[in-house]
Amino acid sequence: MLKKNFRRTLASILLPLSVALTSVGGAAGADAATPRTAAAVSIQNDVFWKDTSGTPIYSQGGGVLKVGSTYYWYGAKYNGAVSYAGNPAGGKNSDTSLSAITIYSSTDLANWKFEGNALTGADLGGGWVGRIGVARNPNTGKFVLVSQLDSGLVFATSSTPNGRFTRAGTQSSISGVSTGMSGDQSVFTDDDGKAYLIYSNKSGRSHLYVSTLRASDFLQVDPAKNVYNSSAGGREGNIMFKYGGTYYFCSSDLHGWNASHTYCISAKNIMGPYSAEFVLQGTDADFSHVTQTGLAFTVTGSQGSFVVFGGDRWSDFAGNGIGYNDWVPVTFNGSTPVFHSLNQWTVDASSGTWSAGRGNNYVLNPSAEADRVAQNDLAGWTTTGGAVNSNKLGGHTGRWAFAQSSSSAYNASRYQNISLPNGTYTLSAWVKSSGGQKKATVFAKNFGGSELSASISQSLGSWTKVSVSGIAVTNGSIQVGVFSDANAGNWVNVDDFSLAQTG
């Protein structure tokens, strides 16, 4: 897999979404400089988000619709999400029962007000509900909600985007689909107000489709247009965004709830023909910031525009780290979309600009959560010493941690080379260690100065935070990682790397 792409990620600060009170710059393109904005708000990933009243946000497998200057976010509140957020250390669960389809609103994309429930589980009669989207029909003026409901689709309407929705119909099959019904789906509204279902087929999911919603009322999915067939496994988490007159149809691997590369096809006409499939640039080193494709929408302002990629983490059902919602900006290098894997970033929705936040955690896949299975080579990292390096269940946070161990004496490292702005940084990590190694360190080097490290060759029976401060980067790059020169039976576990700028 490609591991050299430049990305900017940010410090894993366990805070809810908050307002940044200082002025920040924006970036409308992949590396473009834009005028400074008066103020911006901060989006913090890798945490459980909270709404403006301080209550946890529960919105998974949903979509965002902009009405005027307000963004409305619709998604599923699963009962298992509530119990997991209350006790993530208890591990993932299988409770996919629906509490409600929720509605949140925001004008700045960071501070979300809970508007109420569009529908409850009782309204829908139980069963699997997910992959929710809303569009406004220009003929009826109604806001139409489309969702999966068990093996079919359900439609509901409301006269307002934040009102209670009324169930308005179901659909058990879509003409032209190989298996008769959609797999994972989303709703996309084009510039002309036409709305489309973007989906793969149920069971197998190797066929990708676009269908219009019935123009008169959006209460039916029209016959399918098969726009692409995957030859390398199925695709799910299907989303669409449009930029510069080009449509991008993006999906994940068929991994269930787990993190994945993001795969895209593009076309000038929504019905095709579409390009060959490509991996969205920036999603390879940490598998789309340890998420599955969930939603996408374009932010356009007075100074620029970009796409918001909303990744579903599904930590309740997959254990992929902390948090359910991880949103990052997607910009464009010509017609090539670029995913910025950020832990925290600032956005000014009115100007259409964004920037990396002050506390960058520049480490990708810092908690060993991206790979989803036990293995030696982990996304974003390079190793020496072979199978001595692995991942291990039972992290400081999430499910996994980095591990080095062997029944024989060994010399091994796991490291990451990072491009970043010059400045002063602190490297930290959480560690357990058997102790007894000739040398074992969390280290930083190749930054324009002598190597700096924290020793972890002492016995550390519980998770302990170690730090290396005052790292003066002068050459725009750094290598960070863990190293062991160990005796037989020695081991270290490392989790939650952080590399944050302090000056």
Protein backbone atom coordinates (compact mmCIF):
# COMPACT_ATOMS: atom_id res chain seq x y z
CA MET A 1 0.00 0.00 0.00
CA LEU A 2 1.16 3.57 -0.53
CA LYS A 3 2.61 5.07 2.62
CA LYS A 4 4.45 8.22 1.54
CA ASN A 5 1.63 10.70 0.88
CA PHE A 6 1.81 13.91 2.91
CA ARG A 7 -0.96 14.42 5.40
CA ARG A 8 -1.71 16.61 8.32
CA THR A 9 -3.27 15.12 11.42
CA LEU A 10 -3.82 16.69 14.78
CA ALA A 11 -3.43 16.06 18.46
CA SER A 12 -5.82 13.58 20.01
CA ILE A 13 -7.26 15.99 22.58
CA LEU A 14 -10.20 14.37 24.29
CA LEU A 15 -12.57 17.30 24.02
CA PRO A 16 -16.00 17.81 22.47
CA LEU A 17 -16.39 20.03 19.47
CA SER A 18 -15.44 23.53 20.52
CA VAL A 19 -15.11 27.03 19.18
CA ALA A 20 -11.63 28.29 18.34
CA LEU A 21 -11.42 31.85 19.60
CA THR A 22 -8.36 32.92 17.64
CA SER A 23 -7.99 33.89 14.01
CA VAL A 24 -6.84 31.13 11.68
CA GLY A 25 -6.01 30.85 8.00
CA GLY A 26 -8.02 28.80 5.51
CA ALA A 27 -7.07 26.45 2.70
CA ALA A 28 -9.38 26.12 -0.26
CA GLY A 29 -7.14 23.83 -2.29
CA ALA A 30 -4.76 20.99 -1.59
CA ASP A 31 -1.92 23.33 -0.59
CA ALA A 32 -3.31 26.74 -1.52
CA ALA A 33 -2.84 29.81 0.64
CA THR A 34 -5.96 31.87 1.17
CA PRO A 35 -6.71 35.14 2.95
CA ARG A 36 -7.02 34.98 6.72
CA THR A 37 -10.50 34.72 8.17
CA ALA A 38 -11.83 36.62 11.16
CA ALA A 39 -12.60 33.51 13.16
CA ALA A 40 -13.15 29.80 12.72
CA VAL A 41 -14.57 26.91 14.69
CA SER A 42 -12.81 23.68 15.52
CA ILE A 43 -13.79 20.15 14.54
CA GLN A 44 -12.27 17.55 16.87
CA ASN A 45 -12.13 13.97 15.63
CA ASP A 46 -11.37 10.78 17.58
CA VAL A 47 -13.80 11.66 20.37
CA PHE A 48 -17.50 11.24 21.03
CA TRP A 49 -19.04 14.45 19.71
CA LYS A 50 -21.49 16.47 21.80
CA ASP A 51 -24.26 18.83 20.77
CA THR A 52 -24.71 22.42 21.93
CA SER A 53 -26.41 21.28 25.12
CA GLY A 54 -23.52 18.98 26.04
CA THR A 55 -25.45 15.80 25.17
CA PRO A 56 -23.72 13.11 23.07
CA ILE A 57 -24.44 13.29 19.36
CA TYR A 58 -25.88 10.05 17.99
CA SER A 59 -25.92 10.19 14.20
CA GLN A 60 -24.50 7.28 12.24
CA GLY A 61 -24.99 6.17 8.66
CA GLY A 62 -26.66 9.43 7.67
CA GLY A 63 -26.47 12.47 5.45
CA VAL A 64 -26.31 16.27 5.45
CA LEU A 65 -28.64 18.67 3.61
CA LYS A 66 -28.06 22.43 3.42
CA VAL A 67 -31.16 24.64 3.51
CA GLY A 68 -30.35 28.33 3.21
CA SER A 69 -27.36 28.92 5.49
CA THR A 70 -28.18 25.99 7.79
CA TYR A 71 -26.87 22.46 7.53
CA TYR A 72 -29.18 19.67 8.68
CA TRP A 73 -27.64 16.35 9.66
CA TYR A 74 -29.77 13.20 9.75
CA GLY A 75 -28.60 9.86 11.08
CA ALA A 76 -29.37 6.79 13.12
CA LYS A 77 -29.25 6.57 16.90
CA TYR A 78 -28.64 2.92 17.73
CA ASN A 79 -29.22 1.63 21.25
CA GLY A 80 -25.83 -0.06 21.09
CA ALA A 81 -24.18 3.29 20.37
CA VAL A 82 -25.50 4.70 23.63
CA SER A 83 -24.23 1.80 25.73
CA TYR A 84 -20.82 1.75 24.02
CA ALA A 85 -20.25 5.50 24.41
CA GLY A 86 -21.09 5.10 28.10
CA ASN A 87 -18.44 2.41 28.54
CA PRO A 88 -16.06 2.01 25.58
CA ALA A 89 -13.70 -0.09 27.71
CA GLY A 90 -16.44 -2.73 27.81
CA GLY A 91 -15.84 -3.46 24.14
CA LYS A 92 -17.92 -3.45 20.99
CA ASN A 93 -21.46 -4.77 20.97
CA SER A 94 -24.02 -6.12 18.51
CA ASP A 95 -27.07 -4.07 19.52
CA THR A 96 -28.12 -2.51 16.20
CA SER A 97 -31.68 -1.83 17.34
CA LEU A 98 -32.85 1.66 16.43
CA SER A 99 -33.78 4.27 19.00
CA ALA A 100 -34.50 7.03 16.46
CA ILE A 101 -33.48 8.84 13.30
CA THR A 102 -32.09 12.08 14.71
CA ILE A 103 -31.88 15.61 13.33
CA TYR A 104 -29.13 18.12 14.18
CA SER A 105 -28.60 21.61 12.75
CA SER A 106 -25.58 23.89 12.42
CA THR A 107 -24.53 27.03 10.61
CA ASP A 108 -20.80 26.55 11.23
CA LEU A 109 -20.34 22.74 10.91
CA ALA A 110 -18.87 22.39 14.40
CA ASN A 111 -21.63 23.37 16.82
CA TRP A 112 -24.67 21.12 16.32
CA LYS A 113 -28.07 21.69 17.91
CA PHE A 114 -30.34 18.71 18.49
CA GLU A 115 -33.61 19.45 16.67
CA GLY A 116 -35.45 16.30 17.65
CA ASN A 117 -36.22 12.92 16.15
CA ALA A 118 -37.37 12.61 12.55
CA LEU A 119 -38.72 9.13 13.27
CA THR A 120 -38.46 6.70 16.16
CA GLY A 121 -37.85 2.99 16.14
CA ALA A 122 -41.51 2.52 17.02
CA ASP A 123 -42.54 4.57 13.96
CA LEU A 124 -40.63 2.15 11.76
CA GLY A 125 -41.59 -1.07 13.49
CA GLY A 126 -38.13 -2.29 14.41
CA GLY A 127 -35.59 -4.08 12.23
CA TRP A 128 -32.43 -2.73 10.62
CA VAL A 129 -32.63 0.97 9.75
CA GLY A 130 -29.71 2.86 8.25
CA ARG A 131 -28.05 4.75 5.39
CA ILE A 132 -30.38 7.71 5.71
CA GLY A 133 -30.64 10.68 3.35
CA VAL A 134 -32.98 13.65 2.92
CA ALA A 135 -33.76 15.78 -0.14
CA ARG A 136 -36.32 18.53 -0.80
CA ASN A 137 -38.71 17.82 -3.65
CA PRO A 138 -39.19 21.01 -5.70
CA ASN A 139 -42.70 20.01 -6.85
CA THR A 140 -44.27 19.21 -3.49
CA GLY A 141 -42.01 21.37 -1.33
CA LYS A 142 -41.72 18.40 1.04
CA PHE A 143 -38.52 17.19 2.62
CA VAL A 144 -38.26 13.49 1.81
CA LEU A 145 -36.33 11.05 3.97
CA VAL A 146 -35.11 7.81 2.37
CA SER A 147 -33.69 4.99 4.48
CA GLN A 148 -33.00 1.31 4.39
CA LEU A 149 -35.58 -0.64 6.38
CA ASP A 150 -34.76 -4.33 6.70
CA SER A 151 -34.59 -5.67 3.12
CA GLY A 152 -36.26 -2.67 1.48
CA LEU A 153 -36.60 1.11 1.56
CA VAL A 154 -38.82 3.41 3.57
CA PHE A 155 -39.84 6.97 2.67
CA ALA A 156 -41.07 9.71 5.00
CA THR A 157 -41.94 13.38 4.53
CA SER A 158 -41.99 16.62 6.48
CA SER A 159 -42.92 20.18 5.59
CA THR A 160 -39.77 21.43 7.35
CA PRO A 161 -36.21 20.07 7.45
CA ASN A 162 -36.23 19.87 11.25
CA GLY A 163 -39.78 18.64 11.82
CA ARG A 164 -41.22 15.26 12.69
CA PHE A 165 -41.42 13.12 9.56
CA THR A 166 -44.43 11.04 8.57
CA ARG A 167 -43.97 7.63 7.01
CA ALA A 168 -45.10 7.88 3.39
CA GLY A 169 -44.31 4.58 1.69
CA THR A 170 -41.98 1.65 1.18
CA GLN A 171 -40.28 -0.03 -1.77
CA SER A 172 -39.29 -3.68 -1.88
CA SER A 173 -37.34 -3.79 -5.16
CA ILE A 174 -35.57 -1.52 -7.63
CA SER A 175 -35.85 -2.37 -11.31
CA GLY A 176 -32.53 -3.16 -12.98
CA VAL A 177 -30.64 -4.16 -9.82
CA SER A 178 -29.00 -7.57 -10.04
CA THR A 179 -30.30 -8.64 -6.63
CA GLY A 180 -33.45 -6.53 -6.68
CA MET A 181 -32.58 -4.08 -3.92
CA SER A 182 -29.89 -1.66 -2.80
CA GLY A 183 -27.00 -2.38 -0.52
CA ASP A 184 -25.41 0.55 1.29
CA GLN A 185 -26.71 3.82 -0.12
CA SER A 186 -26.85 7.59 0.19
CA VAL A 187 -28.98 10.39 -1.26
CA PHE A 188 -27.31 12.97 -3.52
CA THR A 189 -29.00 16.21 -4.61
CA ASP A 190 -27.59 17.83 -7.75
CA ASP A 191 -27.32 21.54 -8.49
CA ASP A 192 -30.59 21.46 -10.44
CA GLY A 193 -32.57 20.01 -7.49
CA LYS A 194 -32.80 16.49 -8.88
CA ALA A 195 -32.14 13.81 -6.28
CA TYR A 196 -30.49 10.44 -6.75
CA LEU A 197 -29.90 7.23 -4.83
CA ILE A 198 -26.22 6.20 -4.91
CA TYR A 199 -25.82 2.53 -4.05
CA SER A 200 -24.51 -0.97 -4.63
CA ASN A 201 -26.60 -4.11 -4.95
CA LYS A 202 -27.66 -6.04 -1.91
CA SER A 203 -25.66 -9.27 -1.37
CA GLY A 204 -22.24 -9.27 -2.99
CA ARG A 205 -22.36 -5.53 -3.65
CA SER A 206 -20.05 -5.71 -6.66
CA HIS A 207 -22.36 -3.61 -8.86
CA LEU A 208 -22.61 0.16 -8.42
CA TYR A 209 -25.80 2.01 -9.39
CA VAL A 210 -27.30 5.45 -9.77
CA SER A 211 -31.07 5.96 -9.75
CA THR A 212 -33.14 9.12 -9.83
CA LEU A 213 -35.77 9.57 -7.18
CA ARG A 214 -39.20 9.87 -8.83
CA ALA A 215 -39.38 13.51 -9.92
CA SER A 216 -42.98 14.12 -8.88
CA ASP A 217 -42.49 13.45 -5.17
CA PHE A 218 -39.19 11.57 -4.48
CA LEU A 219 -41.24 8.73 -2.96
CA GLN A 220 -39.99 6.04 -5.32
CA VAL A 221 -36.58 4.99 -6.65
CA ASP A 222 -36.55 4.85 -10.46
CA PRO A 223 -34.92 2.00 -12.42
CA ALA A 224 -31.20 1.59 -11.84
CA LYS A 225 -28.35 2.63 -14.08
CA ASN A 226 -25.43 0.23 -13.56
CA VAL A 227 -22.44 2.60 -13.72
CA TYR A 228 -19.60 0.32 -12.58
CA ASN A 229 -18.83 -3.27 -11.60
CA SER A 230 -16.07 -4.00 -9.12
CA SER A 231 -13.72 -6.82 -10.04
CA ALA A 232 -11.91 -6.79 -6.68
CA GLY A 233 -14.60 -7.46 -4.12
CA GLY A 234 -17.77 -5.64 -3.17
CA ARG A 235 -18.24 -1.98 -2.33
CA GLU A 236 -20.35 -0.45 0.42
CA GLY A 237 -20.77 2.87 2.21
CA ASN A 238 -21.56 4.44 -1.17
CA ILE A 239 -21.50 8.26 -1.35
CA MET A 240 -21.31 10.95 -4.01
CA PHE A 241 -19.97 14.49 -4.22
CA LYS A 242 -19.61 16.91 -7.12
CA TYR A 243 -16.79 19.36 -7.73
CA GLY A 244 -15.87 21.40 -10.78
CA GLY A 245 -18.60 19.76 -12.83
CA THR A 246 -17.31 16.24 -12.08
CA TYR A 247 -19.22 13.60 -10.12
CA TYR A 248 -17.26 11.39 -7.72
CA PHE A 249 -18.87 8.10 -6.63
CA CYS A 250 -16.92 6.73 -3.65
CA SER A 251 -17.20 3.55 -1.59
CA SER A 252 -15.38 1.37 0.90
CA ASP A 253 -14.21 -2.21 0.88
CA LEU A 254 -16.77 -4.84 1.85
CA HIS A 255 -15.44 -5.01 5.42
CA GLY A 256 -18.65 -4.72 7.37
CA TRP A 257 -18.26 -2.02 10.03
CA ASN A 258 -14.51 -1.69 9.60
CA ALA A 259 -12.17 1.01 8.32
CA SER A 260 -11.17 0.92 4.66
CA HIS A 261 -9.45 2.62 1.79
CA THR A 262 -11.89 4.86 -0.06
CA TYR A 263 -12.37 3.86 -3.70
CA CYS A 264 -13.75 6.33 -6.25
CA ILE A 265 -14.90 6.54 -9.85
CA SER A 266 -15.62 9.83 -11.62
CA ALA A 267 -17.68 11.10 -14.53
CA LYS A 268 -18.86 14.32 -16.17
CA ASN A 269 -22.39 12.92 -16.44
CA ILE A 270 -23.98 11.43 -13.34
CA MET A 271 -25.16 8.44 -15.37
CA GLY A 272 -21.69 7.87 -16.79
CA PRO A 273 -19.53 6.76 -18.38
CA TYR A 274 -17.33 6.58 -15.29
CA SER A 275 -13.56 6.33 -14.99
CA ALA A 276 -11.61 3.35 -13.79
CA GLU A 277 -11.62 2.96 -10.03
CA PHE A 278 -8.91 4.71 -8.00
CA VAL A 279 -8.02 4.99 -4.32
CA LEU A 280 -8.84 8.42 -2.93
CA GLN A 281 -5.48 10.08 -2.31
CA GLY A 282 -4.75 10.39 1.40
CA THR A 283 -6.82 7.41 2.57
CA ASP A 284 -4.16 4.71 2.35
CA ALA A 285 -1.87 5.31 5.35
CA ASP A 286 -4.63 5.19 7.96
CA PHE A 287 -7.60 3.76 6.04
CA SER A 288 -9.63 6.96 5.72
CA HIS A 289 -8.80 8.12 9.25
CA VAL A 290 -9.99 4.75 10.53
CA THR A 291 -13.47 5.15 9.05
CA GLN A 292 -15.82 3.83 6.41
CA THR A 293 -17.33 6.14 3.81
CA GLY A 294 -20.46 7.64 5.35
CA LEU A 295 -21.49 10.97 3.84
CA ALA A 296 -20.16 13.85 1.74
CA PHE A 297 -21.25 17.40 0.97
CA THR A 298 -19.70 20.52 -0.53
CA VAL A 299 -19.03 23.69 1.44
CA THR A 300 -18.95 26.81 -0.74
CA GLY A 301 -18.24 30.26 0.67
CA SER A 302 -17.04 33.71 -0.23
CA GLN A 303 -13.38 32.70 -0.54
CA GLY A 304 -13.35 29.06 -1.58
CA SER A 305 -14.96 25.67 -1.47
CA PHE A 306 -14.12 22.14 -0.45
CA VAL A 307 -15.86 18.84 0.27
CA VAL A 308 -16.51 17.49 3.74
CA PHE A 309 -15.98 13.72 3.97
CA GLY A 310 -17.97 12.30 6.85
CA GLY A 311 -16.45 8.99 7.90
CA ASP A 312 -18.43 6.55 10.02
CA ARG A 313 -16.15 4.92 12.57
CA TRP A 314 -18.72 2.40 13.87
CA SER A 315 -16.68 1.97 17.04
CA ASP A 316 -19.76 0.53 18.75
CA PHE A 317 -19.94 -2.41 16.34
CA ALA A 318 -16.31 -2.73 15.16
CA GLY A 319 -14.25 -1.27 17.99
CA ASN A 320 -12.36 1.03 15.60
CA GLY A 321 -11.09 3.45 18.23
CA ILE A 322 -13.01 6.20 19.97
CA GLY A 323 -15.82 8.25 18.45
CA TYR A 324 -18.52 7.64 15.84
CA ASN A 325 -18.10 10.64 13.53
CA ASP A 326 -14.84 11.74 11.95
CA TRP A 327 -15.11 14.51 9.39
CA VAL A 328 -12.21 15.76 7.27
CA PRO A 329 -11.80 18.14 4.32
CA VAL A 330 -11.32 16.90 0.76
CA THR A 331 -9.66 19.33 -1.63
CA PHE A 332 -8.66 19.05 -5.28
CA ASN A 333 -5.39 19.01 -7.15
CA GLY A 334 -6.88 19.76 -10.56
CA SER A 335 -9.56 17.08 -10.85
CA THR A 336 -7.86 14.76 -8.34
CA PRO A 337 -9.54 14.73 -4.91
CA VAL A 338 -7.22 14.75 -1.88
CA PHE A 339 -8.32 13.50 1.56
CA HIS A 340 -6.71 15.28 4.54
CA SER A 341 -6.52 12.91 7.47
CA LEU A 342 -6.99 15.36 10.31
CA ASN A 343 -7.56 14.75 14.00
CA GLN A 344 -8.59 18.36 14.51
CA TRP A 345 -9.16 21.17 12.03
CA THR A 346 -10.78 24.57 11.85
CA VAL A 347 -13.43 25.62 9.38
CA ASP A 348 -15.10 28.88 8.35
CA ALA A 349 -18.23 27.74 6.53
CA SER A 350 -19.19 31.25 5.43
CA SER A 351 -15.89 31.78 3.64
CA GLY A 352 -15.52 28.16 2.50
CA THR A 353 -12.05 27.86 4.02
CA TRP A 354 -10.33 25.53 6.48
CA SER A 355 -6.95 24.95 8.09
CA ALA A 356 -5.15 22.47 10.27
CA GLY A 357 -5.58 23.19 13.98
CA ARG A 358 -2.90 24.41 16.33
CA GLY A 359 -2.38 21.07 18.09
CA ASN A 360 -1.54 18.84 15.12
CA ASN A 361 -1.01 15.18 15.85
CA TYR A 362 1.04 14.43 12.77
CA VAL A 363 1.18 10.66 13.41
CA LEU A 364 -1.04 8.58 11.12
CA ASN A 365 -2.72 5.46 12.50
CA PRO A 366 -1.39 6.49 15.93
CA SER A 367 -3.41 3.91 17.84
CA ALA A 368 -2.97 0.85 15.58
CA GLU A 369 -6.72 0.80 14.88
CA ALA A 370 -6.76 1.05 11.09
CA ASP A 371 -5.91 -2.52 10.18
CA ARG A 372 -8.86 -4.29 11.90
CA VAL A 373 -7.11 -7.71 12.07
CA ALA A 374 -4.03 -9.17 13.75
CA GLN A 375 -0.96 -8.71 11.56
CA ASN A 376 2.66 -7.58 11.50
CA ASP A 377 2.66 -4.79 8.89
CA LEU A 378 0.37 -1.95 9.97
CA ALA A 379 -0.97 0.86 7.79
CA GLY A 380 1.23 3.96 7.80
CA TRP A 381 4.20 2.34 9.56
CA THR A 382 7.51 0.74 8.51
CA THR A 383 9.29 -1.99 10.48
CA THR A 384 12.68 -3.60 10.95
CA GLY A 385 13.01 -6.94 12.69
CA GLY A 386 10.20 -8.76 10.89
CA ALA A 387 7.54 -10.68 12.81
CA VAL A 388 8.82 -9.38 16.14
CA ASN A 389 6.52 -6.43 15.34
CA SER A 390 2.77 -6.99 15.48
CA ASN A 391 -0.46 -5.52 16.81
CA LYS A 392 -2.06 -6.76 19.98
CA LEU A 393 -5.63 -6.73 21.28
CA GLY A 394 -6.11 -4.62 24.39
CA GLY A 395 -4.99 -1.06 23.69
CA HIS A 396 -4.83 1.97 25.94
CA THR A 397 -7.82 3.17 23.92
CA GLY A 398 -9.68 1.22 21.26
CA ARG A 399 -9.01 -2.44 20.56
CA TRP A 400 -5.40 -2.58 19.37
CA ALA A 401 -1.87 -1.56 20.37
CA PHE A 402 1.55 -1.87 18.75
CA ALA A 403 3.62 -4.76 20.08
CA GLN A 404 7.23 -5.99 19.98
CA SER A 405 8.02 -9.39 21.48
CA SER A 406 9.87 -12.64 20.81
CA SER A 407 10.96 -15.81 22.56
CA SER A 408 14.46 -15.10 21.21
CA ALA A 409 16.70 -12.05 21.56
CA TYR A 410 15.79 -9.39 18.99
CA ASN A 411 16.51 -5.96 17.59
CA ALA A 412 13.46 -4.27 16.07
CA SER A 413 11.80 -0.96 15.34
CA ARG A 414 8.51 0.40 14.06
CA TYR A 415 8.65 3.92 12.70
CA GLN A 416 6.95 6.56 10.58
CA ASN A 417 8.54 9.29 8.46
CA ILE A 418 6.51 12.49 8.57
CA SER A 419 6.62 15.79 6.68
CA LEU A 420 5.60 18.75 8.82
CA PRO A 421 6.25 22.48 9.37
CA ASN A 422 9.40 23.52 11.18
CA GLY A 423 8.87 24.27 14.85
CA THR A 424 9.09 22.76 18.31
CA TYR A 425 7.19 19.55 19.02
CA THR A 426 6.40 17.08 21.77
CA LEU A 427 6.15 13.35 21.06
CA SER A 428 4.18 11.19 23.49
CA ALA A 429 2.87 7.63 23.69
CA TRP A 430 1.30 5.24 26.17
CA VAL A 431 3.45 2.24 27.02
CA LYS A 432 3.57 -1.09 28.81
CA SER A 433 6.88 -2.94 29.09
CA SER A 434 8.31 -6.13 30.56
CA GLY A 435 11.51 -4.25 31.29
CA GLY A 436 14.94 -5.86 31.04
CA GLN A 437 15.77 -4.79 27.50
CA LYS A 438 19.31 -3.69 26.66
CA LYS A 439 17.61 -0.63 25.20
CA ALA A 440 13.99 0.23 24.48
CA THR A 441 12.81 3.71 23.53
CA VAL A 442 10.09 5.83 22.04
CA PHE A 443 12.20 8.02 19.78
CA ALA A 444 12.32 11.02 17.46
CA LYS A 445 15.14 11.54 14.96
CA ASN A 446 16.04 12.89 11.50
CA PHE A 447 14.46 16.26 12.35
CA GLY A 448 17.63 18.37 11.96
CA GLY A 449 19.04 17.65 15.41
CA SER A 450 20.36 14.76 17.49
CA GLU A 451 18.03 11.86 18.26
CA LEU A 452 15.82 12.33 21.31
CA SER A 453 14.06 9.52 23.15
CA ALA A 454 12.25 8.31 26.25
CA SER A 455 13.45 5.05 27.78
CA ILE A 456 10.90 2.25 28.20
CA SER A 457 13.32 -0.53 29.26
CA GLN A 458 11.97 -0.44 32.82
CA SER A 459 9.06 -2.61 33.98
CA LEU A 460 5.75 -0.84 33.26
CA GLY A 461 2.87 -3.10 34.22
CA SER A 462 0.09 -0.62 33.48
CA TRP A 463 -0.36 1.92 30.72
CA THR A 464 2.09 4.77 31.34
CA LYS A 465 2.49 7.94 29.32
CA VAL A 466 6.01 8.83 28.19
CA SER A 467 6.99 12.05 26.43
CA VAL A 468 9.86 13.57 24.50
CA SER A 469 9.66 17.35 24.53
CA GLY A 470 11.63 20.18 22.93
CA ILE A 471 12.00 18.51 19.52
CA ALA A 472 13.21 21.37 17.30
CA VAL A 473 12.32 20.45 13.71
CA THR A 474 14.42 22.44 11.24
CA ASN A 475 14.29 20.38 8.04
CA GLY A 476 10.54 19.88 7.57
CA SER A 477 10.58 16.19 8.46
CA ILE A 478 10.91 13.76 11.34
CA GLN A 479 10.99 10.04 12.06
CA VAL A 480 9.16 8.79 15.16
CA GLY A 481 8.66 5.29 16.48
CA VAL A 482 9.54 2.59 18.99
CA PHE A 483 12.84 0.67 19.16
CA SER A 484 13.89 -2.42 21.12
CA ASP A 485 17.25 -4.13 21.57
CA ALA A 486 15.83 -6.91 23.69
CA ASN A 487 16.57 -10.21 25.37
CA ALA A 488 14.49 -13.34 24.90
CA GLY A 489 11.03 -12.89 26.39
CA ASN A 490 11.20 -9.10 26.60
CA TRP A 491 8.22 -7.17 25.22
CA VAL A 492 6.77 -3.69 24.82
CA ASN A 493 3.26 -2.51 23.93
CA VAL A 494 2.76 1.04 22.66
CA ASP A 495 -0.45 2.92 21.91
CA ASP A 496 -1.80 6.40 21.15
CA PHE A 497 1.25 8.09 19.65
CA SER A 498 0.95 11.87 19.50
CA LEU A 499 3.23 14.41 17.81
CA ALA A 500 2.03 17.92 18.59
CA GLN A 501 3.54 21.31 17.86
CA THR A 502 4.28 23.38 20.95
CA GLY A 503 6.14 26.30 19.43
